[in-house]
């Protein structure tokens, strides 16, 4: 009976669970009460600027650092104090961490030899791992003969050859050029998903995290600010630090005008004194006439050259174009609406020129109220 209860409890628990882990280095609080849940087979990301605590969190999961407090659970088992070499994790570092005196085969075989596998089993696993990263025939090459992208593939092959319970990545693509980075991340996600592995991925690159991860925790100053899917984080940031870090946002300081029982949330912008309706009741509990922050993405702002009749004129402002910046597929247009600075992103900017007067519309359903 007890075994059955434990089995069903394990099914209900997340595969990897961090429970209020903290880490301090002297007076510096590197990680503060971090809790997160990673499901089996999930590609999970830790995203944030340098020094935010994401790599320290990863190292605690790997067993390379011990948390000062809190616990780390894997598949229902407490591994907080378990030695790194007993966790069965594969790890890919930013610097690749390959052994320069060993060839490709021996680099991939290193972890397998440490597990005292037979030579036949080692040869089989190395061959399979190199095949998975498209490096068949490279076994006898020296690592110094390989390109940066090939070296990174060797590091990935070494990590997956041990058939890890969890794959850990610490900014593994940051040393690659842009084109190779984009190609490698596509291959990496396909590989992890094909092998049905669980992965925890650390990066400071928003685009990389969005392309790779099923869910992401955004970190700042040792804490998790928000966790969600890439689309959910991008479209619904909950607070100003997340909105600032994830892409470009127009941040608008405003005060609430409407009563808490009103059907719509009405705001007045501090700059320009424009009245805006926000199609959400999230702001209903904000105090009247106290500053808050609204946000709207540049691609959601609508521009009109003329004030032709439209279905609605709600949230329309008169503005002047202050600059037009062409960037290939998109063009950034900066605007001044009576002192309120805005930025719009257009795919087809024909007819919009610096100095021109335009009408700007901020769709109510696209405006977010930030904490």
Protein backbone atom coordinates (compact mmCIF):
# COMPACT_ATOMS: atom_id res chain seq x y z
CA UNK A 1 0.00 0.00 0.00
CA UNK A 2 2.77 2.44 0.95
CA UNK A 3 4.58 1.71 -2.34
CA UNK A 4 1.39 2.44 -4.29
CA UNK A 5 0.91 5.75 -2.44
CA UNK A 6 4.52 6.75 -3.14
CA UNK A 7 4.10 5.82 -6.82
CA UNK A 8 1.00 7.99 -7.26
CA UNK A 9 2.59 10.87 -5.31
CA UNK A 10 5.56 10.73 -7.67
CA UNK A 11 3.21 10.95 -10.64
CA UNK A 12 1.65 14.13 -9.22
CA UNK A 13 4.98 15.83 -8.47
CA UNK A 14 7.05 17.81 -10.93
CA UNK A 15 10.15 16.07 -12.28
CA UNK A 16 12.46 18.82 -10.94
CA UNK A 17 11.38 21.04 -8.07
CA UNK A 18 13.34 23.91 -6.53
CA UNK A 19 11.87 24.96 -3.21
CA UNK A 20 12.95 28.33 -1.80
CA UNK A 21 16.65 27.87 -2.57
CA UNK A 22 19.01 30.71 -1.65
CA UNK A 23 22.73 31.30 -2.06
CA UNK A 24 24.93 34.03 -0.65
CA UNK A 25 28.56 34.86 -1.41
CA UNK A 26 29.74 37.02 1.46
CA UNK A 27 27.48 40.07 1.53
CA UNK A 28 26.11 39.35 -1.97
CA UNK A 29 22.78 37.55 -2.23
CA UNK A 30 23.17 35.68 -5.51
CA UNK A 31 19.92 33.69 -5.34
CA UNK A 32 16.98 34.60 -3.11
CA UNK A 33 14.14 32.17 -2.33
CA UNK A 34 13.90 30.74 -5.84
CA UNK A 35 11.14 28.21 -6.40
CA UNK A 36 10.25 26.61 -9.71
CA UNK A 37 8.83 23.41 -11.15
CA UNK A 38 10.09 21.66 -14.29
CA UNK A 39 7.97 18.90 -15.80
CA UNK A 40 9.35 15.70 -17.29
CA UNK A 41 10.23 16.21 -20.97
CA UNK A 42 10.08 20.01 -20.66
CA UNK A 43 12.63 22.41 -22.15
CA UNK A 44 12.76 25.02 -19.39
CA UNK A 45 14.67 28.31 -19.51
CA UNK A 46 16.19 30.66 -16.96
CA UNK A 47 16.39 34.09 -18.62
CA UNK A 48 17.89 37.27 -17.28
CA UNK A 49 20.75 39.78 -17.50
CA UNK A 50 24.29 39.01 -16.38
CA UNK A 51 24.59 38.70 -12.61
CA UNK A 52 20.91 37.93 -12.03
CA UNK A 53 21.59 34.54 -10.40
CA UNK A 54 20.58 32.19 -13.20
CA UNK A 55 23.95 30.43 -13.55
CA UNK A 56 24.26 30.07 -9.77
CA UNK A 57 20.80 28.47 -9.76
CA UNK A 58 21.89 26.07 -12.51
CA UNK A 59 25.08 25.18 -10.63
CA UNK A 60 23.05 24.36 -7.52
CA UNK A 61 20.85 22.05 -9.59
CA UNK A 62 23.99 20.43 -11.01
CA UNK A 63 25.47 19.94 -7.53
CA UNK A 64 28.45 22.21 -8.24
CA UNK A 65 27.23 24.62 -5.56
CA UNK A 66 25.29 23.90 -2.37
CA UNK A 67 22.33 26.12 -1.48
CA UNK A 68 22.45 27.89 1.88
CA UNK A 69 18.78 27.08 2.36
CA UNK A 70 15.92 25.42 0.53
CA UNK A 71 15.74 22.07 -1.22
CA UNK A 72 16.09 20.52 -4.68
CA UNK A 73 13.88 17.55 -5.51
CA UNK A 74 14.26 15.25 -8.52
CA UNK A 75 11.43 12.87 -9.28
CA UNK A 76 10.30 13.00 -5.66
CA UNK A 77 13.78 12.48 -4.21
CA UNK A 78 15.70 15.11 -2.24
CA UNK A 79 19.06 15.63 -4.01
CA UNK A 80 20.02 18.90 -2.29
CA UNK A 81 23.17 17.41 -0.74
CA UNK A 82 23.80 14.69 -3.32
CA UNK A 83 27.25 14.87 -4.96
CA UNK A 84 27.32 16.15 -8.55
CA UNK A 85 28.77 12.93 -9.96
CA UNK A 86 25.90 10.92 -8.46
CA UNK A 87 23.10 12.97 -9.98
CA UNK A 88 23.41 11.57 -13.49
CA UNK A 89 23.05 14.95 -15.19
CA UNK A 90 24.61 16.06 -18.44
CA UNK A 91 25.96 19.61 -18.62
CA UNK A 92 27.01 21.80 -21.55
CA UNK A 93 29.10 24.86 -20.65
CA UNK A 94 29.54 28.19 -22.38
CA UNK A 95 33.26 27.45 -22.85
CA UNK A 96 32.53 23.89 -24.13
CA UNK A 97 35.02 22.51 -21.50
CA UNK A 98 36.52 20.03 -23.96
CA UNK A 99 39.85 18.35 -23.24
CA UNK A 100 42.35 19.70 -25.81
CA UNK A 101 44.69 16.70 -25.49
CA UNK A 102 41.90 14.21 -26.31
CA UNK A 103 40.34 13.58 -29.71
CA UNK A 104 36.60 13.79 -30.38
CA UNK A 105 35.96 10.13 -29.50
CA UNK A 106 37.75 10.35 -26.16
CA UNK A 107 36.05 13.64 -25.26
CA UNK A 108 32.62 12.07 -25.78
CA UNK A 109 33.72 8.83 -24.07
CA UNK A 110 35.08 10.60 -20.98
CA UNK A 111 31.91 10.37 -18.89
CA UNK A 112 31.26 6.82 -20.05
CA UNK A 113 34.71 5.65 -18.96
CA UNK A 114 34.10 7.24 -15.56
CA UNK A 115 31.05 4.96 -15.30
CA UNK A 116 33.23 1.91 -16.02
CA UNK A 117 31.25 0.76 -19.04
CA UNK A 118 32.63 -1.87 -21.38
CA UNK A 119 34.64 -0.78 -24.41
CA UNK A 120 31.93 -2.14 -26.68
CA UNK A 121 29.20 -0.15 -24.90
CA UNK A 122 31.35 2.99 -24.94
CA UNK A 123 31.93 2.65 -28.69
CA UNK A 124 28.22 2.17 -29.28
CA UNK A 125 27.16 5.17 -27.25
CA UNK A 126 29.83 7.47 -28.69
CA UNK A 127 28.81 6.51 -32.22
CA UNK A 128 25.13 7.15 -31.44
CA UNK A 129 25.83 10.51 -29.79
CA UNK A 130 28.03 11.75 -32.64
CA UNK A 131 25.42 10.64 -35.15
CA UNK A 132 22.76 12.62 -33.30
CA UNK A 133 24.80 15.82 -33.65
CA UNK A 134 25.82 15.06 -37.27
CA UNK A 135 29.51 14.44 -36.51
CA UNK A 136 29.83 10.93 -37.92
CA UNK A 137 33.41 10.29 -39.02
CA UNK A 138 34.93 12.92 -36.70
CA UNK A 139 35.96 10.43 -33.99
CA UNK A 140 39.73 10.75 -34.54
CA UNK A 141 39.81 14.50 -35.11
CA UNK A 142 41.54 16.71 -32.56
CA UNK A 143 39.18 19.24 -31.01
CA UNK A 144 41.51 22.06 -32.09
CA UNK A 145 40.79 21.05 -35.70
CA UNK A 146 37.08 21.79 -35.28
CA UNK A 147 35.12 24.99 -35.73
CA UNK A 148 33.36 26.59 -32.78
CA UNK A 149 30.03 25.11 -33.85
CA UNK A 150 31.55 21.62 -34.18
CA UNK A 151 33.18 21.90 -30.76
CA UNK A 152 29.83 22.80 -29.28
CA UNK A 153 28.30 19.73 -30.92
CA UNK A 154 31.00 17.56 -29.35
CA UNK A 155 30.13 19.05 -25.96
CA UNK A 156 26.44 18.26 -26.55
CA UNK A 157 27.32 14.71 -27.70
CA UNK A 158 29.33 14.18 -24.51
CA UNK A 159 26.39 15.35 -22.41
CA UNK A 160 23.80 13.12 -24.08
CA UNK A 161 26.06 10.04 -24.34
CA UNK A 162 25.62 9.29 -20.64
CA UNK A 163 21.83 9.16 -21.14
CA UNK A 164 21.27 11.89 -18.54
CA UNK A 165 18.19 12.22 -16.39
CA UNK A 166 18.46 15.98 -16.87
CA UNK A 167 20.37 18.13 -19.37
CA UNK A 168 21.80 21.43 -18.11
CA UNK A 169 22.91 24.20 -20.47
CA UNK A 170 24.87 27.27 -19.35
CA UNK A 171 24.75 29.81 -22.24
CA UNK A 172 26.06 27.15 -24.66
CA UNK A 173 25.59 29.17 -27.86
CA UNK A 174 26.92 32.57 -26.78
CA UNK A 175 30.34 32.05 -28.40
CA UNK A 176 28.89 31.26 -31.84
CA UNK A 177 28.24 33.80 -34.59
CA UNK A 178 24.64 34.84 -35.26
CA UNK A 179 23.93 32.55 -38.23
CA UNK A 180 25.46 29.49 -36.58
CA UNK A 181 23.70 30.25 -33.31
CA UNK A 182 20.31 30.29 -35.02
CA UNK A 183 21.04 27.03 -36.86
CA UNK A 184 22.36 25.28 -33.74
CA UNK A 185 19.47 26.25 -31.49
CA UNK A 186 16.98 24.79 -33.98
CA UNK A 187 18.93 21.53 -34.07
CA UNK A 188 19.31 21.54 -30.28
CA UNK A 189 15.59 21.82 -29.58
CA UNK A 190 14.80 19.11 -32.13
CA UNK A 191 17.41 16.83 -30.56
CA UNK A 192 16.19 17.30 -26.98
CA UNK A 193 12.58 16.75 -28.02
CA UNK A 194 13.42 13.72 -30.17
CA UNK A 195 15.26 12.07 -27.27
CA UNK A 196 12.44 13.04 -24.87
CA UNK A 197 14.94 14.62 -22.49
CA UNK A 198 14.27 17.19 -19.79
CA UNK A 199 16.42 20.31 -20.10
CA UNK A 200 17.19 23.38 -18.00
CA UNK A 201 18.68 26.15 -20.13
CA UNK A 202 20.36 29.36 -18.94
CA UNK A 203 20.65 32.37 -21.26
CA UNK A 204 20.60 36.17 -21.31
CA UNK A 205 19.30 36.15 -24.91
CA UNK A 206 15.52 36.63 -25.12
CA UNK A 207 15.27 35.46 -28.73
CA UNK A 208 17.22 32.31 -27.94
CA UNK A 209 15.03 31.50 -24.93
CA UNK A 210 11.85 32.06 -26.93
CA UNK A 211 13.05 29.80 -29.76
CA UNK A 212 14.16 26.94 -27.49
CA UNK A 213 12.03 26.81 -24.37
CA UNK A 214 8.55 25.55 -23.55
CA UNK A 215 8.45 27.73 -20.43
CA UNK A 216 10.75 30.39 -19.03
CA UNK A 217 11.44 31.99 -15.66
CA UNK A 218 12.64 35.58 -15.92
CA UNK A 219 15.18 36.41 -13.20
CA UNK A 220 16.50 39.66 -11.79
CA UNK A 221 18.67 40.34 -8.75
CA UNK A 222 18.54 36.72 -7.63
CA UNK A 223 14.76 36.40 -7.77
CA UNK A 224 12.23 35.00 -10.22
CA UNK A 225 10.00 37.79 -11.48
CA UNK A 226 7.61 35.79 -13.66
CA UNK A 227 7.28 32.31 -15.15
CA UNK A 228 5.31 31.43 -18.26
CA UNK A 229 5.34 30.38 -21.89
CA UNK A 230 7.35 32.55 -24.30
CA UNK A 231 4.18 34.00 -25.82
CA UNK A 232 2.56 34.54 -22.43
CA UNK A 233 5.59 36.41 -21.08
CA UNK A 234 5.89 38.53 -24.22
CA UNK A 235 2.23 39.49 -24.46
CA UNK A 236 1.40 39.71 -20.75
CA UNK A 237 4.39 40.87 -18.67
CA UNK A 238 3.23 41.35 -15.11
CA UNK A 239 5.68 44.00 -13.96
CA UNK A 240 7.85 46.74 -15.33
CA UNK A 241 11.18 44.86 -15.09
CA UNK A 242 9.83 42.01 -17.20
CA UNK A 243 8.35 44.42 -19.74
CA UNK A 244 11.67 46.26 -20.03
CA UNK A 245 13.75 43.12 -20.39
CA UNK A 246 11.54 41.25 -22.85
CA UNK A 247 11.73 43.17 -26.08
CA UNK A 248 10.71 46.74 -26.70
CA UNK A 249 7.77 48.26 -24.90
CA UNK A 250 6.24 51.70 -24.82
CA UNK A 251 6.05 52.43 -21.08
CA UNK A 252 3.45 55.08 -20.31
CA UNK A 253 3.06 56.68 -16.90
CA UNK A 254 -0.62 57.28 -16.18
CA UNK A 255 -3.22 57.67 -13.43
CA UNK A 256 -6.58 55.90 -13.18
CA UNK A 257 -9.63 58.08 -13.69
CA UNK A 258 -12.48 55.57 -13.53
CA UNK A 259 -14.21 54.34 -10.39
CA UNK A 260 -13.63 50.73 -9.34
CA UNK A 261 -17.17 49.74 -10.41
CA UNK A 262 -16.84 51.25 -13.90
CA UNK A 263 -17.22 48.97 -16.91
CA UNK A 264 -13.91 50.13 -18.44
CA UNK A 265 -10.62 51.25 -16.90
CA UNK A 266 -9.90 54.82 -17.93
CA UNK A 267 -6.47 56.43 -17.54
CA UNK A 268 -4.89 59.82 -18.14
CA UNK A 269 -1.29 59.88 -19.31
CA UNK A 270 1.08 62.00 -17.23
CA UNK A 271 2.85 63.18 -20.40
CA UNK A 272 0.50 64.73 -22.91
CA UNK A 273 -2.62 64.36 -20.69
CA UNK A 274 -4.26 61.89 -23.09
CA UNK A 275 -7.24 59.82 -21.97
CA UNK A 276 -6.90 56.10 -22.68
CA UNK A 277 -9.26 53.20 -22.18
CA UNK A 278 -7.75 49.88 -21.18
CA UNK A 279 -9.78 46.77 -21.96
CA UNK A 280 -9.01 45.01 -18.72
CA UNK A 281 -10.25 45.16 -15.14
CA UNK A 282 -6.81 44.42 -13.70
CA UNK A 283 -6.39 48.10 -12.87
CA UNK A 284 -9.67 48.41 -11.01
CA UNK A 285 -7.93 48.21 -7.63
CA UNK A 286 -5.39 50.90 -8.45
CA UNK A 287 -5.92 54.05 -6.38
CA UNK A 288 -7.39 57.07 -8.17
CA UNK A 289 -4.93 59.76 -9.29
CA UNK A 290 -1.86 57.74 -8.32
CA UNK A 291 0.82 57.07 -10.98
CA UNK A 292 1.01 53.61 -12.52
CA UNK A 293 2.64 52.15 -15.61
CA UNK A 294 0.91 51.10 -18.82
CA UNK A 295 2.70 49.23 -21.60
CA UNK A 296 2.06 48.61 -25.29
CA UNK A 297 4.32 46.89 -27.82
CA UNK A 298 5.53 48.99 -30.80
CA UNK A 299 4.04 46.49 -33.27
CA UNK A 300 0.59 46.97 -31.74
CA UNK A 301 0.48 50.73 -32.30
CA UNK A 302 -1.54 51.73 -35.37
CA UNK A 303 -0.65 54.74 -37.56
CA UNK A 304 -2.89 56.65 -39.96
CA UNK A 305 -1.80 59.37 -42.36
CA UNK A 306 -5.27 60.92 -42.56
CA UNK A 307 -8.24 61.15 -40.21
CA UNK A 308 -10.58 59.21 -42.47
CA UNK A 309 -13.76 57.79 -41.01
CA UNK A 310 -13.09 54.59 -39.09
CA UNK A 311 -15.18 52.25 -36.99
CA UNK A 312 -13.81 53.84 -33.83
CA UNK A 313 -11.67 56.80 -32.84
CA UNK A 314 -11.10 55.44 -29.34
CA UNK A 315 -7.58 55.93 -27.96
CA UNK A 316 -6.54 58.04 -30.96
CA UNK A 317 -3.87 60.71 -30.49
CA UNK A 318 -2.44 63.35 -32.80
CA UNK A 319 1.31 62.99 -33.15
CA UNK A 320 4.32 64.09 -35.12
CA UNK A 321 6.92 61.69 -36.52
CA UNK A 322 10.33 62.51 -35.06
CA UNK A 323 12.36 59.82 -36.83
CA UNK A 324 12.08 56.88 -39.23
CA UNK A 325 14.65 54.06 -38.91
CA UNK A 326 14.71 51.38 -41.62
CA UNK A 327 15.93 47.94 -40.43
CA UNK A 328 15.18 45.63 -43.33
CA UNK A 329 11.99 43.68 -42.62
CA UNK A 330 10.70 46.30 -40.20
CA UNK A 331 10.87 50.06 -39.75
CA UNK A 332 10.82 51.87 -36.41
CA UNK A 333 8.90 55.14 -36.29
CA UNK A 334 9.35 57.40 -33.27
CA UNK A 335 6.52 59.78 -32.41
CA UNK A 336 5.78 62.77 -30.23
CA UNK A 337 2.14 63.04 -29.10
CA UNK A 338 2.09 66.37 -27.23
CA UNK A 339 5.03 65.32 -25.08
CA UNK A 340 4.21 61.61 -24.91
CA UNK A 341 7.02 59.73 -26.68
CA UNK A 342 5.91 56.58 -28.51
CA UNK A 343 7.54 54.07 -30.84
CA UNK A 344 5.75 52.11 -33.58
CA UNK A 345 7.04 49.16 -35.58
CA UNK A 346 5.77 48.79 -39.14
CA UNK A 347 6.23 46.24 -41.90
CA UNK A 348 5.20 48.67 -44.66
CA UNK A 349 6.26 52.22 -43.79
CA UNK A 350 5.52 53.79 -47.17
CA UNK A 351 4.22 57.32 -46.87
CA UNK A 352 5.51 57.99 -43.34
CA UNK A 353 8.32 60.53 -43.18
CA UNK A 354 10.09 62.43 -40.43
CA UNK A 355 8.22 65.61 -39.50
CA UNK A 356 4.84 64.41 -40.79
CA UNK A 357 1.67 64.68 -38.72
CA UNK A 358 -0.17 61.42 -38.14
CA UNK A 359 -2.93 59.87 -36.07
CA UNK A 360 -1.83 57.24 -33.58
CA UNK A 361 -4.18 54.60 -32.19
CA UNK A 362 -3.45 52.50 -29.11
CA UNK A 363 -5.88 49.54 -29.20
CA UNK A 364 -7.42 49.16 -25.71
CA UNK A 365 -7.03 45.37 -25.76
CA UNK A 366 -3.28 45.71 -26.42
CA UNK A 367 -2.52 47.94 -23.43
CA UNK A 368 -1.19 46.19 -20.35
CA UNK A 369 -1.26 47.47 -16.76
CA UNK A 370 2.02 46.72 -15.00
CA UNK A 371 2.70 46.18 -11.33
